Amino acid sequence: MSQFLTLSERAIREAKRTPDAILPTLLIPLFFLVVNVGQAGKIFPADTTPFLQGQNYGAFQLPSSLLLAASFATSALYLVEEIENGYFDKLRAAPVSRWSLALGRLSAEGVKTLALSSVLVLCSLFFGIRISSGVGGFFLLIALTALWALGYAGFLQIVALRTRSAAATNSSSLIFFPLLFLTPNFVPRDMLTRPMEIAATLNPVTYVMEAIRSLVLDGYDWVVLGKGFLVAGLFALGMVALNVRTMRHYD
């Protein structure tokens, strides 16, 4: 546990020293929120659109912005730097658990996302958005976002470990964009065309997005929330396990 906490604190301090890398993680999701609401807000007025539950269209778009913020993981790029300067080999040679080595950076990414998603939700209040599930729903919402961020950062770390390339790692982060748009991003799933509905149903991001959206619009739908946390949890657990396995076989 002490190894994990030491590596996690180190990764958090590392992120604090580069605030210019964190700022786009907040500004870009906010930009997409403003643009998407500006484009479709009049198409879906609050008083005549049932799926908005009386809120404006920004409430429907907020989950997309949160997940977008969760996809800007920087831990993998810091890992590439360590690999290139030889420090990662020193960590591997030290008596450090591979689980602590993998989770140190990933947990810091989760903490960073907790903070960023909290700020993003607070900023959304100025758009007239409210969290229907209240304070408890707010904490569940940011926890689910951070859990997804941990898993996605784990995926990027695997790319970093296998390629040892900053360019390849950075390019791999773009995989999230097609996944994001193959979801009920602009309308509910039952309003999609049949091919798009099938694609969204097969896409794990859909269930995380719908769980966050249910907290914003509906309150506590435990079936939807259960699916979202199950998908995000399995994804995070799988990525952490693959990180550990890759580090153990790292040559």
Protein backbone atom coordinates (compact mmCIF):
# COMPACT_ATOMS: atom_id res chain seq x y z
CA MET A 1 0.00 0.00 0.00
CA SER A 2 2.85 2.41 0.85
CA GLN A 3 4.40 1.81 -2.59
CA PHE A 4 1.11 2.55 -4.30
CA LEU A 5 0.54 5.77 -2.30
CA THR A 6 4.09 6.99 -2.94
CA LEU A 7 3.81 6.42 -6.71
CA SER A 8 0.33 7.93 -6.80
CA GLU A 9 1.44 11.08 -4.93
CA ARG A 10 4.40 11.37 -7.28
CA ALA A 11 2.14 11.19 -10.34
CA ILE A 12 -0.22 13.82 -8.88
CA ARG A 13 2.69 16.18 -8.22
CA GLU A 14 3.88 15.57 -11.77
CA ALA A 15 0.48 16.60 -13.14
CA LYS A 16 0.42 19.72 -10.94
CA ARG A 17 3.72 20.86 -12.42
CA THR A 18 2.20 20.94 -15.93
CA PRO A 19 -1.12 22.83 -15.62
CA ASP A 20 -0.90 23.78 -19.31
CA ALA A 21 -1.51 20.10 -20.11
CA ILE A 22 -4.61 20.00 -17.87
CA LEU A 23 -6.31 23.19 -19.08
CA PRO A 24 -7.34 21.83 -22.54
CA THR A 25 -8.94 18.87 -20.76
CA LEU A 26 -11.46 21.32 -19.31
CA LEU A 27 -11.75 23.86 -22.13
CA ILE A 28 -12.31 21.42 -25.02
CA PRO A 29 -15.28 19.60 -23.36
CA LEU A 30 -16.77 22.99 -22.44
CA PHE A 31 -16.32 24.10 -26.05
CA PHE A 32 -18.18 21.02 -27.34
CA LEU A 33 -20.96 21.58 -24.79
CA VAL A 34 -21.46 25.17 -25.94
CA VAL A 35 -21.29 24.28 -29.65
CA ASN A 36 -23.62 21.28 -29.47
CA VAL A 37 -26.20 23.17 -27.42
CA GLY A 38 -25.91 26.13 -29.77
CA GLN A 39 -26.53 23.92 -32.80
CA ALA A 40 -29.37 21.76 -31.50
CA GLY A 41 -30.84 23.66 -28.55
CA LYS A 42 -33.72 25.13 -30.57
CA ILE A 43 -34.45 21.79 -32.24
CA PHE A 44 -35.12 20.24 -28.83
CA PRO A 45 -36.89 22.85 -26.66
CA ALA A 46 -37.26 21.93 -23.01
CA ASP A 47 -41.03 22.29 -22.81
CA THR A 48 -41.86 20.08 -25.83
CA THR A 49 -39.09 17.43 -25.73
CA PRO A 50 -40.06 14.53 -23.43
CA PHE A 51 -36.59 13.01 -23.10
CA LEU A 52 -35.21 16.24 -21.60
CA GLN A 53 -37.45 15.92 -18.52
CA GLY A 54 -38.09 19.69 -18.49
CA GLN A 55 -34.41 20.67 -18.71
CA ASN A 56 -32.61 22.34 -21.60
CA TYR A 57 -30.59 20.42 -24.18
CA GLY A 58 -27.37 21.14 -22.32
CA ALA A 59 -28.41 18.61 -19.66
CA PHE A 60 -28.58 15.93 -22.36
CA GLN A 61 -25.15 16.90 -23.71
CA LEU A 62 -23.33 17.16 -20.37
CA PRO A 63 -22.49 13.40 -20.17
CA SER A 64 -20.76 13.58 -23.56
CA SER A 65 -18.60 16.46 -22.36
CA LEU A 66 -17.75 14.61 -19.15
CA LEU A 67 -16.67 11.48 -21.02
CA LEU A 68 -14.68 13.59 -23.44
CA ALA A 69 -12.84 15.16 -20.50
CA ALA A 70 -12.17 11.65 -19.16
CA SER A 71 -10.50 10.62 -22.43
CA PHE A 72 -7.63 13.14 -22.22
CA ALA A 73 -5.27 10.94 -20.22
CA THR A 74 -1.73 12.31 -19.83
CA SER A 75 -0.32 9.55 -17.63
CA ALA A 76 0.71 7.46 -20.63
CA LEU A 77 2.78 10.30 -22.10
CA TYR A 78 4.61 10.75 -18.80
CA LEU A 79 5.24 7.00 -18.85
CA VAL A 80 6.80 7.25 -22.32
CA GLU A 81 9.13 9.97 -21.00
CA GLU A 82 10.20 7.66 -18.17
CA ILE A 83 10.83 4.83 -20.61
CA GLU A 84 12.91 7.08 -22.87
CA ASN A 85 15.08 8.51 -20.07
CA GLY A 86 15.58 5.11 -18.42
CA TYR A 87 13.80 5.87 -15.14
CA PHE A 88 11.13 3.24 -15.78
CA ASP A 89 13.84 0.55 -15.91
CA LYS A 90 15.04 1.73 -12.50
CA LEU A 91 11.51 1.41 -11.11
CA ARG A 92 11.22 -2.09 -12.54
CA ALA A 93 14.55 -3.06 -10.99
CA ALA A 94 13.42 -1.80 -7.58
CA PRO A 95 11.39 -4.05 -5.24
CA VAL A 96 8.13 -2.42 -6.31
CA SER A 97 4.92 -4.37 -6.87
CA ARG A 98 3.79 -4.33 -10.51
CA TRP A 99 0.26 -3.59 -9.28
CA SER A 100 1.55 -0.50 -7.45
CA LEU A 101 3.57 0.49 -10.51
CA ALA A 102 0.50 0.26 -12.75
CA LEU A 103 -2.01 1.76 -10.33
CA GLY A 104 0.22 4.64 -9.22
CA ARG A 105 -0.24 6.62 -12.41
CA LEU A 106 -3.76 5.37 -13.12
CA SER A 107 -5.09 6.38 -9.71
CA ALA A 108 -3.62 9.85 -10.21
CA GLU A 109 -5.50 10.05 -13.51
CA GLY A 110 -8.70 9.13 -11.65
CA VAL A 111 -8.08 11.84 -9.04
CA LYS A 112 -7.43 14.40 -11.77
CA THR A 113 -10.68 13.43 -13.51
CA LEU A 114 -12.62 13.71 -10.25
CA ALA A 115 -11.45 17.32 -9.96
CA LEU A 116 -12.00 18.19 -13.63
CA SER A 117 -15.46 16.62 -13.83
CA SER A 118 -16.49 18.45 -10.66
CA VAL A 119 -15.43 21.77 -12.19
CA LEU A 120 -17.18 20.88 -15.45
CA VAL A 121 -20.44 20.08 -13.65
CA LEU A 122 -20.21 23.32 -11.66
CA CYS A 123 -19.63 25.26 -14.90
CA SER A 124 -22.68 23.57 -16.42
CA LEU A 125 -24.88 25.13 -13.73
CA PHE A 126 -24.43 28.45 -15.54
CA PHE A 127 -26.16 26.84 -18.54
CA GLY A 128 -29.25 26.23 -16.41
CA ILE A 129 -28.44 22.52 -16.01
CA ARG A 130 -29.34 20.83 -12.76
CA ILE A 131 -28.52 17.37 -11.41
CA SER A 132 -31.92 15.74 -10.81
CA SER A 133 -30.45 13.12 -8.48
CA GLY A 134 -29.11 15.81 -6.14
CA VAL A 135 -25.86 15.85 -4.19
CA GLY A 136 -25.64 12.06 -3.99
CA GLY A 137 -26.11 11.83 -7.73
CA PHE A 138 -23.36 14.39 -8.25
CA PHE A 139 -20.87 12.21 -6.37
CA LEU A 140 -21.97 9.10 -8.25
CA LEU A 141 -21.67 10.99 -11.51
CA ILE A 142 -18.08 12.15 -10.99
CA ALA A 143 -17.11 8.73 -9.57
CA LEU A 144 -18.39 6.98 -12.69
CA THR A 145 -16.58 9.47 -14.92
CA ALA A 146 -13.32 8.94 -13.00
CA LEU A 147 -13.72 5.16 -13.19
CA TRP A 148 -14.03 5.34 -16.97
CA ALA A 149 -11.00 7.68 -17.09
CA LEU A 150 -8.96 5.16 -15.11
CA GLY A 151 -9.79 2.42 -17.62
CA TYR A 152 -9.09 4.59 -20.66
CA ALA A 153 -5.79 5.77 -19.18
CA GLY A 154 -4.95 2.11 -18.64
CA PHE A 155 -5.54 1.41 -22.32
CA LEU A 156 -3.20 4.26 -23.31
CA GLN A 157 -0.56 3.04 -20.87
CA ILE A 158 -0.62 -0.37 -22.57
CA VAL A 159 -0.01 1.37 -25.89
CA ALA A 160 2.86 3.31 -24.29
CA LEU A 161 4.43 0.15 -22.86
CA ARG A 162 4.18 -1.76 -26.12
CA THR A 163 5.20 0.98 -28.56
CA ARG A 164 7.41 3.16 -26.30
CA SER A 165 6.41 5.98 -28.64
CA ALA A 166 4.84 9.30 -27.66
CA ALA A 167 3.43 9.73 -31.17
CA ALA A 168 1.72 6.32 -31.17
CA THR A 169 0.38 6.85 -27.66
CA ASN A 170 -0.97 10.29 -28.49
CA SER A 171 -2.61 9.02 -31.69
CA SER A 172 -4.25 6.15 -29.83
CA SER A 173 -6.15 8.61 -27.65
CA LEU A 174 -8.14 9.63 -30.76
CA ILE A 175 -9.82 6.21 -30.80
CA PHE A 176 -12.29 7.58 -28.27
CA PHE A 177 -13.80 10.06 -30.73
CA PRO A 178 -15.46 7.47 -33.04
CA LEU A 179 -16.58 5.56 -29.93
CA LEU A 180 -18.13 8.75 -28.56
CA PHE A 181 -20.09 9.43 -31.75
CA LEU A 182 -21.27 5.80 -32.01
CA THR A 183 -23.49 6.43 -28.98
CA PRO A 184 -26.86 8.10 -28.34
CA ASN A 185 -24.89 11.32 -28.22
CA PHE A 186 -27.46 13.73 -29.68
CA VAL A 187 -30.74 11.83 -29.16
CA PRO A 188 -31.86 8.82 -27.07
CA ARG A 189 -31.10 5.35 -28.37
CA ASP A 190 -34.69 4.64 -29.45
CA MET A 191 -34.58 7.63 -31.82
CA LEU A 192 -31.54 6.38 -33.75
CA THR A 193 -31.75 4.61 -37.09
CA ARG A 194 -31.62 0.84 -36.80
CA PRO A 195 -27.95 0.41 -37.89
CA MET A 196 -26.87 3.22 -35.58
CA GLU A 197 -28.93 1.77 -32.74
CA ILE A 198 -27.18 -1.60 -33.14
CA ALA A 199 -23.77 0.09 -33.17
CA ALA A 200 -24.65 2.11 -30.06
CA THR A 201 -25.93 -1.00 -28.26
CA LEU A 202 -22.65 -2.82 -28.95
CA ASN A 203 -20.60 0.18 -27.85
CA PRO A 204 -19.67 0.01 -24.12
CA VAL A 205 -19.41 3.82 -23.94
CA THR A 206 -23.18 3.97 -24.47
CA TYR A 207 -23.94 2.39 -21.10
CA VAL A 208 -21.61 4.71 -19.20
CA MET A 209 -23.10 7.73 -20.99
CA GLU A 210 -26.68 6.61 -20.29
CA ALA A 211 -25.87 6.04 -16.61
CA ILE A 212 -24.45 9.56 -16.24
CA ARG A 213 -27.39 10.97 -18.18
CA SER A 214 -29.89 9.21 -15.95
CA LEU A 215 -28.36 10.94 -12.91
CA VAL A 216 -28.66 14.30 -14.64
CA LEU A 217 -32.16 13.93 -16.07
CA ASP A 218 -34.05 11.15 -14.28
CA GLY A 219 -32.70 10.69 -10.79
CA TYR A 220 -31.76 7.19 -9.60
CA ASP A 221 -32.44 4.51 -12.20
CA TRP A 222 -30.53 1.67 -10.56
CA VAL A 223 -30.75 -0.67 -13.56
CA VAL A 224 -29.17 1.91 -15.86
CA LEU A 225 -26.66 2.91 -13.18
CA GLY A 226 -25.76 -0.73 -12.55
CA LYS A 227 -25.01 -1.29 -16.23
CA GLY A 228 -22.88 1.85 -16.39
CA PHE A 229 -20.81 1.02 -13.32
CA LEU A 230 -20.48 -2.62 -14.41
CA VAL A 231 -19.14 -1.67 -17.84
CA ALA A 232 -16.78 1.02 -16.49
CA GLY A 233 -15.63 -1.22 -13.63
CA LEU A 234 -14.90 -4.23 -15.85
CA PHE A 235 -13.12 -2.01 -18.34
CA ALA A 236 -10.94 -0.44 -15.62
CA LEU A 237 -10.20 -3.79 -13.99
CA GLY A 238 -9.31 -5.37 -17.33
CA MET A 239 -6.99 -2.52 -18.30
CA VAL A 240 -5.22 -2.57 -14.91
CA ALA A 241 -4.72 -6.34 -15.17
CA LEU A 242 -3.33 -5.98 -18.70
CA ASN A 243 -1.00 -3.22 -17.50
CA VAL A 244 0.34 -5.49 -14.78
CA ARG A 245 0.79 -8.38 -17.21
CA THR A 246 2.55 -6.14 -19.74
CA MET A 247 4.91 -4.79 -17.07
CA ARG A 248 5.75 -8.29 -15.90
CA HIS A 249 6.67 -9.33 -19.44
CA TYR A 250 8.25 -6.02 -20.36
CA ASP A 251 11.64 -6.47 -22.01
